Amino acid sequence: MTPRKLTYAALAVTLLLALPASAQDYAQDCNANGYVITAARGTFAGAPVYLGKSCDAFHAAHGEGKWCWQNNGINVNLPTGNWLLAKVELTCQNAALDELACSCIDFSNGGN
């Protein structure tokens, strides 16, 4: 096995172990500043991930970054890595949060 293949294999195993398997592994709440996502297991277990109204993200252990939504979940980009919260749909009873323009398409087109 070449070092490059070993690196990809190690990365794949790390990602599989770090991420919760489905949306059922997450709980969400919201406040005036955005969404609060908690995880029962995985990379974000033990401390919530804050997804702000200005598409900013924060986690106590992973730092500050950005987030965006896409068809298959929420993408959270922090200094320690880029994570997909698979199958998570952000829902809230706050109309201002439902109108957020934090689409990953907006980021790829130079927005936010």
PDB file of N, CA and C in Angstrom:
ATOM      1  N   MET A   1       0.843  -1.170   0.000  1.00  0.00           N
ATOM      2  CA  MET A   1       0.000   0.000   0.000  1.00  0.00           C
ATOM      3  C   MET A   1       0.892   1.239   0.000  1.00  0.00           C
ATOM      4  N   THR A   2       0.603   2.163  -0.880  1.00  0.00           N
ATOM      5  CA  THR A   2       1.392   3.390  -0.945  1.00  0.00           C
ATOM      6  C   THR A   2       0.976   4.331   0.173  1.00  0.00           C
ATOM      7  N   PRO A   3       1.867   5.254   0.556  1.00  0.00           N
ATOM      8  CA  PRO A   3       1.497   6.208   1.611  1.00  0.00           C
ATOM      9  C   PRO A   3       0.247   7.009   1.273  1.00  0.00           C
ATOM     10  N   ARG A   4       0.047   7.340  -0.004  1.00  0.00           N
ATOM     11  CA  ARG A   4      -1.124   8.116  -0.387  1.00  0.00           C
ATOM     12  C   ARG A   4      -2.414   7.344  -0.127  1.00  0.00           C
ATOM     13  N   LYS A   5      -2.447   6.059  -0.473  1.00  0.00           N
ATOM     14  CA  LYS A   5      -3.635   5.247  -0.237  1.00  0.00           C
ATOM     15  C   LYS A   5      -3.880   5.082   1.250  1.00  0.00           C
ATOM     16  N   LEU A   6      -2.823   4.928   2.017  1.00  0.00           N
ATOM     17  CA  LEU A   6      -2.970   4.806   3.462  1.00  0.00           C
ATOM     18  C   LEU A   6      -3.567   6.083   4.041  1.00  0.00           C
ATOM     19  N   THR A   7      -3.144   7.229   3.537  1.00  0.00           N
ATOM     20  CA  THR A   7      -3.672   8.499   4.018  1.00  0.00           C
ATOM     21  C   THR A   7      -5.165   8.605   3.731  1.00  0.00           C
ATOM     22  N   TYR A   8      -5.588   8.263   2.528  1.00  0.00           N
ATOM     23  CA  TYR A   8      -7.011   8.320   2.198  1.00  0.00           C
ATOM     24  C   TYR A   8      -7.814   7.330   3.040  1.00  0.00           C
ATOM     25  N   ALA A   9      -7.269   6.133   3.246  1.00  0.00           N
ATOM     26  CA  ALA A   9      -7.963   5.131   4.056  1.00  0.00           C
ATOM     27  C   ALA A   9      -8.089   5.610   5.505  1.00  0.00           C
ATOM     28  N   ALA A  10      -7.028   6.168   6.040  1.00  0.00           N
ATOM     29  CA  ALA A  10      -7.065   6.672   7.417  1.00  0.00           C
ATOM     30  C   ALA A  10      -8.063   7.812   7.547  1.00  0.00           C
ATOM     31  N   LEU A  11      -8.104   8.679   6.556  1.00  0.00           N
ATOM     32  CA  LEU A  11      -9.059   9.787   6.570  1.00  0.00           C
ATOM     33  C   LEU A  11     -10.495   9.271   6.538  1.00  0.00           C
ATOM     34  N   ALA A  12     -10.757   8.293   5.713  1.00  0.00           N
ATOM     35  CA  ALA A  12     -12.107   7.732   5.606  1.00  0.00           C
ATOM     36  C   ALA A  12     -12.542   7.105   6.928  1.00  0.00           C
ATOM     37  N   VAL A  13     -11.658   6.358   7.565  1.00  0.00           N
ATOM     38  CA  VAL A  13     -11.987   5.742   8.847  1.00  0.00           C
ATOM     39  C   VAL A  13     -12.231   6.808   9.900  1.00  0.00           C
ATOM     40  N   THR A  14     -11.399   7.838   9.920  1.00  0.00           N
ATOM     41  CA  THR A  14     -11.559   8.929  10.885  1.00  0.00           C
ATOM     42  C   THR A  14     -12.902   9.613  10.706  1.00  0.00           C
ATOM     43  N   LEU A  15     -13.272   9.904   9.477  1.00  0.00           N
ATOM     44  CA  LEU A  15     -14.557  10.560   9.220  1.00  0.00           C
ATOM     45  C   LEU A  15     -15.733   9.684   9.613  1.00  0.00           C
ATOM     46  N   LEU A  16     -15.649   8.398   9.320  1.00  0.00           N
ATOM     47  CA  LEU A  16     -16.746   7.498   9.665  1.00  0.00           C
ATOM     48  C   LEU A  16     -16.936   7.392  11.170  1.00  0.00           C
ATOM     49  N   LEU A  17     -15.845   7.394  11.913  1.00  0.00           N
ATOM     50  CA  LEU A  17     -15.939   7.283  13.361  1.00  0.00           C
ATOM     51  C   LEU A  17     -16.362   8.592  14.010  1.00  0.00           C
ATOM     52  N   ALA A  18     -16.027   9.709  13.389  1.00  0.00           N
ATOM     53  CA  ALA A  18     -16.259  11.013  14.008  1.00  0.00           C
ATOM     54  C   ALA A  18     -17.679  11.531  13.823  1.00  0.00           C
ATOM     55  N   LEU A  19     -18.311  11.191  12.733  1.00  0.00           N
ATOM     56  CA  LEU A  19     -19.611  11.777  12.429  1.00  0.00           C
ATOM     57  C   LEU A  19     -20.765  10.901  12.881  1.00  0.00           C
ATOM     58  N   PRO A  20     -21.765  11.498  13.486  1.00  0.00           N
ATOM     59  CA  PRO A  20     -22.974  10.730  13.771  1.00  0.00           C
ATOM     60  C   PRO A  20     -23.590  10.222  12.470  1.00  0.00           C
ATOM     61  N   ALA A  21     -24.326   9.134  12.564  1.00  0.00           N
ATOM     62  CA  ALA A  21     -24.798   8.452  11.363  1.00  0.00           C
ATOM     63  C   ALA A  21     -25.983   9.111  10.687  1.00  0.00           C
ATOM     64  N   SER A  22     -26.836   9.761  11.426  1.00  0.00           N
ATOM     65  CA  SER A  22     -28.040  10.291  10.799  1.00  0.00           C
ATOM     66  C   SER A  22     -28.586  11.468  11.590  1.00  0.00           C
ATOM     67  N   ALA A  23     -29.624  12.062  11.065  1.00  0.00           N
ATOM     68  CA  ALA A  23     -30.232  13.225  11.709  1.00  0.00           C
ATOM     69  C   ALA A  23     -30.773  12.884  13.097  1.00  0.00           C
ATOM     70  N   GLN A  24     -31.102  11.623  13.339  1.00  0.00           N
ATOM     71  CA  GLN A  24     -31.621  11.246  14.648  1.00  0.00           C
ATOM     72  C   GLN A  24     -30.571  11.389  15.745  1.00  0.00           C
ATOM     73  N   ASP A  25     -29.301  11.498  15.378  1.00  0.00           N
ATOM     74  CA  ASP A  25     -28.228  11.651  16.356  1.00  0.00           C
ATOM     75  C   ASP A  25     -28.060  13.091  16.813  1.00  0.00           C
ATOM     76  N   TYR A  26     -28.824  14.008  16.256  1.00  0.00           N
ATOM     77  CA  TYR A  26     -28.719  15.426  16.585  1.00  0.00           C
ATOM     78  C   TYR A  26     -30.013  15.936  17.208  1.00  0.00           C
ATOM     79  N   ALA A  27     -29.856  16.905  18.089  1.00  0.00           N
ATOM     80  CA  ALA A  27     -31.008  17.650  18.595  1.00  0.00           C
ATOM     81  C   ALA A  27     -30.765  19.098  18.229  1.00  0.00           C
ATOM     82  N   GLN A  28     -31.807  19.838  17.973  1.00  0.00           N
ATOM     83  CA  GLN A  28     -31.627  21.241  17.613  1.00  0.00           C
ATOM     84  C   GLN A  28     -32.587  22.130  18.369  1.00  0.00           C
ATOM     85  N   ASP A  29     -32.131  23.328  18.574  1.00  0.00           N
ATOM     86  CA  ASP A  29     -32.919  24.364  19.215  1.00  0.00           C
ATOM     87  C   ASP A  29     -32.544  25.656  18.512  1.00  0.00           C
ATOM     88  N   CYS A  30     -33.243  26.718  18.808  1.00  0.00           N
ATOM     89  CA  CYS A  30     -32.871  27.994  18.214  1.00  0.00           C
ATOM     90  C   CYS A  30     -33.063  29.093  19.239  1.00  0.00           C
ATOM     91  N   ASN A  31     -32.381  30.184  18.988  1.00  0.00           N
ATOM     92  CA  ASN A  31     -32.522  31.372  19.826  1.00  0.00           C
ATOM     93  C   ASN A  31     -32.456  32.581  18.895  1.00  0.00           C
ATOM     94  N   ALA A  32     -32.380  33.768  19.433  1.00  0.00           N
ATOM     95  CA  ALA A  32     -32.372  34.983  18.613  1.00  0.00           C
ATOM     96  C   ALA A  32     -31.157  35.064  17.697  1.00  0.00           C
ATOM     97  N   ASN A  33     -30.085  34.341  18.012  1.00  0.00           N
ATOM     98  CA  ASN A  33     -28.846  34.413  17.236  1.00  0.00           C
ATOM     99  C   ASN A  33     -28.715  33.343  16.175  1.00  0.00           C
ATOM    100  N   GLY A  34     -29.547  32.313  16.216  1.00  0.00           N
ATOM    101  CA  GLY A  34     -29.451  31.246  15.230  1.00  0.00           C
ATOM    102  C   GLY A  34     -29.824  29.893  15.807  1.00  0.00           C
ATOM    103  N   TYR A  35     -29.179  28.860  15.299  1.00  0.00           N
ATOM    104  CA  TYR A  35     -29.483  27.489  15.682  1.00  0.00           C
ATOM    105  C   TYR A  35     -28.438  26.946  16.648  1.00  0.00           C
ATOM    106  N   VAL A  36     -28.862  26.028  17.497  1.00  0.00           N
ATOM    107  CA  VAL A  36     -27.977  25.342  18.432  1.00  0.00           C
ATOM    108  C   VAL A  36     -28.157  23.848  18.180  1.00  0.00           C
ATOM    109  N   ILE A  37     -27.089  23.187  17.727  1.00  0.00           N
ATOM    110  CA  ILE A  37     -27.136  21.770  17.399  1.00  0.00           C
ATOM    111  C   ILE A  37     -26.324  21.006  18.433  1.00  0.00           C
ATOM    112  N   THR A  38     -26.919  19.982  18.994  1.00  0.00           N
ATOM    113  CA  THR A  38     -26.196  19.119  19.923  1.00  0.00           C
ATOM    114  C   THR A  38     -26.176  17.709  19.367  1.00  0.00           C
ATOM    115  N   ALA A  39     -25.114  16.986  19.676  1.00  0.00           N
ATOM    116  CA  ALA A  39     -24.948  15.624  19.181  1.00  0.00           C
ATOM    117  C   ALA A  39     -24.768  14.666  20.349  1.00  0.00           C
ATOM    118  N   ALA A  40     -25.373  13.504  20.234  1.00  0.00           N
ATOM    119  CA  ALA A  40     -25.240  12.481  21.257  1.00  0.00           C
ATOM    120  C   ALA A  40     -23.894  11.783  21.181  1.00  0.00           C
ATOM    121  N   ARG A  41     -23.315  11.741  19.982  1.00  0.00           N
ATOM    122  CA  ARG A  41     -22.019  11.084  19.794  1.00  0.00           C
ATOM    123  C   ARG A  41     -21.293  11.739  18.628  1.00  0.00           C
ATOM    124  N   GLY A  42     -20.057  11.379  18.438  1.00  0.00           N
ATOM    125  CA  GLY A  42     -19.283  11.908  17.319  1.00  0.00           C
ATOM    126  C   GLY A  42     -18.455  13.119  17.684  1.00  0.00           C
ATOM    127  N   THR A  43     -17.967  13.801  16.679  1.00  0.00           N
ATOM    128  CA  THR A  43     -17.056  14.928  16.839  1.00  0.00           C
ATOM    129  C   THR A  43     -17.617  16.028  17.715  1.00  0.00           C
ATOM    130  N   PHE A  44     -18.890  16.316  17.608  1.00  0.00           N
ATOM    131  CA  PHE A  44     -19.475  17.440  18.327  1.00  0.00           C
ATOM    132  C   PHE A  44     -20.172  17.042  19.628  1.00  0.00           C
ATOM    133  N   ALA A  45     -20.027  15.810  20.062  1.00  0.00           N
ATOM    134  CA  ALA A  45     -20.653  15.380  21.311  1.00  0.00           C
ATOM    135  C   ALA A  45     -20.047  16.139  22.486  1.00  0.00           C
ATOM    136  N   GLY A  46     -20.881  16.484  23.430  1.00  0.00           N
ATOM    137  CA  GLY A  46     -20.408  17.126  24.647  1.00  0.00           C
ATOM    138  C   GLY A  46     -20.500  18.632  24.663  1.00  0.00           C
ATOM    139  N   ALA A  47     -20.574  19.261  23.514  1.00  0.00           N
ATOM    140  CA  ALA A  47     -20.706  20.719  23.437  1.00  0.00           C
ATOM    141  C   ALA A  47     -21.498  21.055  22.182  1.00  0.00           C
ATOM    142  N   PRO A  48     -22.374  22.035  22.258  1.00  0.00           N
ATOM    143  CA  PRO A  48     -23.196  22.365  21.088  1.00  0.00           C
ATOM    144  C   PRO A  48     -22.406  23.073  19.991  1.00  0.00           C
ATOM    145  N   VAL A  49     -22.920  22.949  18.785  1.00  0.00           N
ATOM    146  CA  VAL A  49     -22.414  23.714  17.645  1.00  0.00           C
ATOM    147  C   VAL A  49     -23.418  24.840  17.439  1.00  0.00           C
ATOM    148  N   TYR A  50     -22.924  26.060  17.394  1.00  0.00           N
ATOM    149  CA  TYR A  50     -23.781  27.224  17.187  1.00  0.00           C
ATOM    150  C   TYR A  50     -23.693  27.634  15.725  1.00  0.00           C
ATOM    151  N   LEU A  51     -24.842  27.737  15.067  1.00  0.00           N
ATOM    152  CA  LEU A  51     -24.930  28.156  13.672  1.00  0.00           C
ATOM    153  C   LEU A  51     -25.636  29.502  13.655  1.00  0.00           C
ATOM    154  N   GLY A  52     -24.884  30.556  13.420  1.00  0.00           N
ATOM    155  CA  GLY A  52     -25.412  31.900  13.547  1.00  0.00           C
ATOM    156  C   GLY A  52     -26.166  32.417  12.342  1.00  0.00           C
ATOM    157  N   LYS A  53     -26.902  33.514  12.567  1.00  0.00           N
ATOM    158  CA  LYS A  53     -27.716  34.145  11.519  1.00  0.00           C
ATOM    159  C   LYS A  53     -26.873  34.682  10.368  1.00  0.00           C
ATOM    160  N   SER A  54     -25.623  35.020  10.628  1.00  0.00           N
ATOM    161  CA  SER A  54     -24.764  35.532   9.559  1.00  0.00           C
ATOM    162  C   SER A  54     -23.910  34.412   8.959  1.00  0.00           C
ATOM    163  N   CYS A  55     -24.381  33.174   9.089  1.00  0.00           N
ATOM    164  CA  CYS A  55     -23.723  31.985   8.552  1.00  0.00           C
ATOM    165  C   CYS A  55     -22.393  31.691   9.253  1.00  0.00           C
ATOM    166  N   ASP A  56     -22.219  32.233  10.444  1.00  0.00           N
ATOM    167  CA  ASP A  56     -21.033  31.943  11.239  1.00  0.00           C
ATOM    168  C   ASP A  56     -21.306  30.702  12.086  1.00  0.00           C
ATOM    169  N   ALA A  57     -20.245  29.995  12.449  1.00  0.00           N
ATOM    170  CA  ALA A  57     -20.375  28.784  13.261  1.00  0.00           C
ATOM    171  C   ALA A  57     -19.371  28.849  14.404  1.00  0.00           C
ATOM    172  N   PHE A  58     -19.720  28.176  15.502  1.00  0.00           N
ATOM    173  CA  PHE A  58     -18.810  28.116  16.641  1.00  0.00           C
ATOM    174  C   PHE A  58     -19.010  26.817  17.404  1.00  0.00           C
ATOM    175  N   HIS A  59     -17.884  26.230  17.806  1.00  0.00           N
ATOM    176  CA  HIS A  59     -17.871  25.079  18.698  1.00  0.00           C
ATOM    177  C   HIS A  59     -16.715  25.281  19.662  1.00  0.00           C
ATOM    178  N   ALA A  60     -16.946  25.018  20.940  1.00  0.00           N
ATOM    179  CA  ALA A  60     -15.937  25.304  21.969  1.00  0.00           C
ATOM    180  C   ALA A  60     -14.595  24.630  21.690  1.00  0.00           C
ATOM    181  N   ALA A  61     -14.601  23.408  21.201  1.00  0.00           N
ATOM    182  CA  ALA A  61     -13.349  22.686  20.960  1.00  0.00           C
ATOM    183  C   ALA A  61     -12.770  22.907  19.569  1.00  0.00           C
ATOM    184  N   HIS A  62     -13.590  23.350  18.622  1.00  0.00           N
ATOM    185  CA  HIS A  62     -13.151  23.444  17.227  1.00  0.00           C
ATOM    186  C   HIS A  62     -13.029  24.874  16.709  1.00  0.00           C
ATOM    187  N   GLY A  63     -13.469  25.860  17.468  1.00  0.00           N
ATOM    188  CA  GLY A  63     -13.287  27.259  17.102  1.00  0.00           C
ATOM    189  C   GLY A  63     -14.417  27.857  16.287  1.00  0.00           C
ATOM    190  N   GLU A  64     -14.083  28.984  15.640  1.00  0.00           N
ATOM    191  CA  GLU A  64     -15.056  29.742  14.845  1.00  0.00           C
ATOM    192  C   GLU A  64     -14.879  29.472  13.363  1.00  0.00           C
ATOM    193  N   GLY A  65     -15.991  29.471  12.637  1.00  0.00           N
ATOM    194  CA  GLY A  65     -15.937  29.249  11.201  1.00  0.00           C
ATOM    195  C   GLY A  65     -17.228  29.666  10.535  1.00  0.00           C
ATOM    196  N   LYS A  66     -17.590  28.957   9.486  1.00  0.00           N
ATOM    197  CA  LYS A  66     -18.790  29.235   8.698  1.00  0.00           C
ATOM    198  C   LYS A  66     -19.619  27.966   8.566  1.00  0.00           C
ATOM    199  N   TRP A  67     -20.893  28.149   8.240  1.00  0.00           N
ATOM    200  CA  TRP A  67     -21.750  27.013   7.957  1.00  0.00           C
ATOM    201  C   TRP A  67     -22.640  27.339   6.768  1.00  0.00           C
ATOM    202  N   CYS A  68     -23.130  26.290   6.120  1.00  0.00           N
ATOM    203  CA  CYS A  68     -24.104  26.465   5.044  1.00  0.00           C
ATOM    204  C   CYS A  68     -24.937  25.193   4.943  1.00  0.00           C
ATOM    205  N   TRP A  69     -26.132  25.339   4.367  1.00  0.00           N
ATOM    206  CA  TRP A  69     -26.987  24.174   4.167  1.00  0.00           C
ATOM    207  C   TRP A  69     -26.899  23.726   2.723  1.00  0.00           C
ATOM    208  N   GLN A  70     -27.096  22.435   2.518  1.00  0.00           N
ATOM    209  CA  GLN A  70     -27.146  21.844   1.185  1.00  0.00           C
ATOM    210  C   GLN A  70     -28.188  20.736   1.219  1.00  0.00           C
ATOM    211  N   ASN A  71     -28.453  20.118   0.102  1.00  0.00           N
ATOM    212  CA  ASN A  71     -29.543  19.146   0.018  1.00  0.00           C
ATOM    213  C   ASN A  71     -29.400  17.967   0.976  1.00  0.00           C
ATOM    214  N   ASN A  72     -28.173  17.564   1.284  1.00  0.00           N
ATOM    215  CA  ASN A  72     -28.007  16.373   2.115  1.00  0.00           C
ATOM    216  C   ASN A  72     -27.604  16.677   3.553  1.00  0.00           C
ATOM    217  N   GLY A  73     -27.709  17.931   3.987  1.00  0.00           N
ATOM    218  CA  GLY A  73     -27.400  18.254   5.370  1.00  0.00           C
ATOM    219  C   GLY A  73     -26.789  19.633   5.536  1.00  0.00           C
ATOM    220  N   ILE A  74     -26.102  19.802   6.654  1.00  0.00           N
ATOM    221  CA  ILE A  74     -25.479  21.076   7.000  1.00  0.00           C
ATOM    222  C   ILE A  74     -23.965  20.913   6.937  1.00  0.00           C
ATOM    223  N   ASN A  75     -23.304  21.783   6.213  1.00  0.00           N
ATOM    224  CA  ASN A  75     -21.843  21.781   6.125  1.00  0.00           C
ATOM    225  C   ASN A  75     -21.305  22.776   7.147  1.00  0.00           C
ATOM    226  N   VAL A  76     -20.424  22.315   8.032  1.00  0.00           N
ATOM    227  CA  VAL A  76     -19.824  23.172   9.054  1.00  0.00           C
ATOM    228  C   VAL A  76     -18.320  23.185   8.828  1.00  0.00           C
ATOM    229  N   ASN A  77     -17.786  24.356   8.524  1.00  0.00           N
ATOM    230  CA  ASN A  77     -16.364  24.510   8.252  1.00  0.00           C
ATOM    231  C   ASN A  77     -15.731  25.277   9.410  1.00  0.00           C
ATOM    232  N   LEU A  78     -14.912  24.572  10.207  1.00  0.00           N
ATOM    233  CA  LEU A  78     -14.228  25.139  11.358  1.00  0.00           C
ATOM    234  C   LEU A  78     -12.722  24.971  11.177  1.00  0.00           C
ATOM    235  N   PRO A  79     -11.896  25.663  11.956  1.00  0.00           N
ATOM    236  CA  PRO A  79     -10.449  25.566  11.778  1.00  0.00           C
ATOM    237  C   PRO A  79      -9.893  24.140  11.847  1.00  0.00           C
ATOM    238  N   THR A  80     -10.559  23.264  12.582  1.00  0.00           N
ATOM    239  CA  THR A  80     -10.061  21.894  12.733  1.00  0.00           C
ATOM    240  C   THR A  80     -10.582  20.938  11.668  1.00  0.00           C
ATOM    241  N   GLY A  81     -11.469  21.398  10.802  1.00  0.00           N
ATOM    242  CA  GLY A  81     -11.980  20.525   9.749  1.00  0.00           C
ATOM    243  C   GLY A  81     -13.300  20.990   9.185  1.00  0.00           C
ATOM    244  N   ASN A  82     -13.757  20.239   8.200  1.00  0.00           N
ATOM    245  CA  ASN A  82     -15.017  20.506   7.525  1.00  0.00           C
ATOM    246  C   ASN A  82     -15.912  19.293   7.749  1.00  0.00           C
ATOM    247  N   TRP A  83     -17.108  19.504   8.327  1.00  0.00           N
ATOM    248  CA  TRP A  83     -17.983  18.394   8.664  1.00  0.00           C
ATOM    249  C   TRP A  83     -19.341  18.546   8.006  1.00  0.00           C
ATOM    250  N   LEU A  84     -19.921  17.411   7.663  1.00  0.00           N
ATOM    251  CA  LEU A  84     -21.284  17.372   7.147  1.00  0.00           C
ATOM    252  C   LEU A  84     -22.174  16.789   8.231  1.00  0.00           C
ATOM    253  N   LEU A  85     -23.164  17.543   8.648  1.00  0.00           N
ATOM    254  CA  LEU A  85     -24.178  17.035   9.566  1.00  0.00           C
ATOM    255  C   LEU A  85     -25.262  16.441   8.678  1.00  0.00           C
ATOM    256  N   ALA A  86     -25.110  15.165   8.380  1.00  0.00           N
ATOM    257  CA  ALA A  86     -25.923  14.495   7.375  1.00  0.00           C
ATOM    258  C   ALA A  86     -27.398  14.467   7.733  1.00  0.00           C
ATOM    259  N   LYS A  87     -28.214  14.744   6.742  1.00  0.00           N
ATOM    260  CA  LYS A  87     -29.671  14.652   6.811  1.00  0.00           C
ATOM    261  C   LYS A  87     -30.299  15.592   7.843  1.00  0.00           C
ATOM    262  N   VAL A  88     -29.575  16.604   8.279  1.00  0.00           N
ATOM    263  CA  VAL A  88     -30.127  17.563   9.228  1.00  0.00           C
ATOM    264  C   VAL A  88     -30.839  18.661   8.455  1.00  0.00           C
ATOM    265  N   GLU A  89     -32.088  18.901   8.800  1.00  0.00           N
ATOM    266  CA  GLU A  89     -32.848  20.020   8.254  1.00  0.00           C
ATOM    267  C   GLU A  89     -33.103  20.984   9.391  1.00  0.00           C
ATOM    268  N   LEU A  90     -32.712  22.227   9.210  1.00  0.00           N
ATOM    269  CA  LEU A  90     -32.907  23.224  10.246  1.00  0.00           C
ATOM    270  C   LEU A  90     -34.346  23.718  10.209  1.00  0.00           C
ATOM    271  N   THR A  91     -35.023  23.560  11.303  1.00  0.00           N
ATOM    272  CA  THR A  91     -36.398  24.028  11.416  1.00  0.00           C
ATOM    273  C   THR A  91     -36.521  24.814  12.707  1.00  0.00           C
ATOM    274  N   CYS A  92     -37.278  25.844  12.656  1.00  0.00           N
ATOM    275  CA  CYS A  92     -37.425  26.695  13.822  1.00  0.00           C
ATOM    276  C   CYS A  92     -38.740  27.457  13.708  1.00  0.00           C
ATOM    277  N   GLN A  93     -39.295  27.833  14.826  1.00  0.00           N
ATOM    278  CA  GLN A  93     -40.530  28.605  14.817  1.00  0.00           C
ATOM    279  C   GLN A  93     -40.270  30.105  14.706  1.00  0.00           C
ATOM    280  N   ASN A  94     -39.038  30.483  14.437  1.00  0.00           N
ATOM    281  CA  ASN A  94     -38.656  31.882  14.281  1.00  0.00           C
ATOM    282  C   ASN A  94     -38.566  32.191  12.785  1.00  0.00           C
ATOM    283  N   ALA A  95     -39.484  32.971  12.265  1.00  0.00           N
ATOM    284  CA  ALA A  95     -39.530  33.256  10.820  1.00  0.00           C
ATOM    285  C   ALA A  95     -38.238  33.882  10.314  1.00  0.00           C
ATOM    286  N   ALA A  96     -37.570  34.684  11.126  1.00  0.00           N
ATOM    287  CA  ALA A  96     -36.321  35.316  10.697  1.00  0.00           C
ATOM    288  C   ALA A  96     -35.242  34.270  10.409  1.00  0.00           C
ATOM    289  N   LEU A  97     -35.240  33.183  11.160  1.00  0.00           N
ATOM    290  CA  LEU A  97     -34.239  32.135  10.928  1.00  0.00           C
ATOM    291  C   LEU A  97     -34.582  31.314   9.698  1.00  0.00           C
ATOM    292  N   ASP A  98     -35.858  31.125   9.433  1.00  0.00           N
ATOM    293  CA  ASP A  98     -36.256  30.349   8.261  1.00  0.00           C
ATOM    294  C   ASP A  98     -35.891  31.042   6.955  1.00  0.00           C
ATOM    295  N   GLU A  99     -35.632  32.327   6.997  1.00  0.00           N
ATOM    296  CA  GLU A  99     -35.301  33.078   5.791  1.00  0.00           C
ATOM    297  C   GLU A  99     -33.802  33.250   5.580  1.00  0.00           C
ATOM    298  N   LEU A 100     -32.971  32.551   6.340  1.00  0.00           N
ATOM    299  CA  LEU A 100     -31.524  32.699   6.206  1.00  0.00           C
ATOM    300  C   LEU A 100     -31.043  32.280   4.818  1.00  0.00           C
ATOM    301  N   ALA A 101     -30.112  33.015   4.290  1.00  0.00           N
ATOM    302  CA  ALA A 101     -29.534  32.709   2.980  1.00  0.00           C
ATOM    303  C   ALA A 101     -28.152  32.094   3.157  1.00  0.00           C
ATOM    304  N   CYS A 102     -28.080  30.997   3.873  1.00  0.00           N
ATOM    305  CA  CYS A 102     -26.799  30.341   4.126  1.00  0.00           C
ATOM    306  C   CYS A 102     -26.653  29.092   3.263  1.00  0.00           C
ATOM    307  N   SER A 103     -27.066  29.173   2.037  1.00  0.00           N
ATOM    308  CA  SER A 103     -26.941  28.052   1.116  1.00  0.00           C
ATOM    309  C   SER A 103     -25.488  27.870   0.710  1.00  0.00           C
ATOM    310  N   CYS A 104     -25.042  26.625   0.598  1.00  0.00           N
ATOM    311  CA  CYS A 104     -23.673  26.360   0.140  1.00  0.00           C
ATOM    312  C   CYS A 104     -23.462  26.880  -1.279  1.00  0.00           C
ATOM    313  N   ILE A 105     -24.511  26.973  -2.051  1.00  0.00           N
ATOM    314  CA  ILE A 105     -24.406  27.538  -3.406  1.00  0.00           C
ATOM    315  C   ILE A 105     -24.009  29.005  -3.314  1.00  0.00           C
ATOM    316  N   ASP A 106     -24.551  29.722  -2.333  1.00  0.00           N
ATOM    317  CA  ASP A 106     -24.177  31.120  -2.137  1.00  0.00           C
ATOM    318  C   ASP A 106     -22.687  31.245  -1.848  1.00  0.00           C
ATOM    319  N   PHE A 107     -22.141  30.328  -1.024  1.00  0.00           N
ATOM    320  CA  PHE A 107     -20.708  30.374  -0.701  1.00  0.00           C
ATOM    321  C   PHE A 107     -19.861  30.110  -1.947  1.00  0.00           C
ATOM    322  N   SER A 108     -20.258  29.130  -2.741  1.00  0.00           N
ATOM    323  CA  SER A 108     -19.461  28.792  -3.904  1.00  0.00           C
ATOM    324  C   SER A 108     -19.520  29.876  -4.966  1.00  0.00           C
ATOM    325  N   ASN A 109     -20.526  30.730  -4.896  1.00  0.00           N
ATOM    326  CA  ASN A 109     -20.628  31.850  -5.852  1.00  0.00           C
ATOM    327  C   ASN A 109     -20.043  33.143  -5.283  1.00  0.00           C
ATOM    328  N   GLY A 110     -19.311  33.027  -4.192  1.00  0.00           N
ATOM    329  CA  GLY A 110     -18.642  34.202  -3.634  1.00  0.00           C
ATOM    330  C   GLY A 110     -19.427  34.930  -2.574  1.00  0.00           C
ATOM    331  N   GLY A 111     -20.615  34.449  -2.223  1.00  0.00           N
ATOM    332  CA  GLY A 111     -21.415  35.097  -1.195  1.00  0.00           C
ATOM    333  C   GLY A 111     -20.920  34.767   0.198  1.00  0.00           C
ATOM    334  N   ASN A 112     -21.384  35.528   1.174  1.00  0.00           N
ATOM    335  CA  ASN A 112     -21.054  35.343   2.589  1.00  0.00           C
ATOM    336  C   ASN A 112     -19.619  35.032   2.765  1.00  0.00           C
TER     337      ASN A 112
END
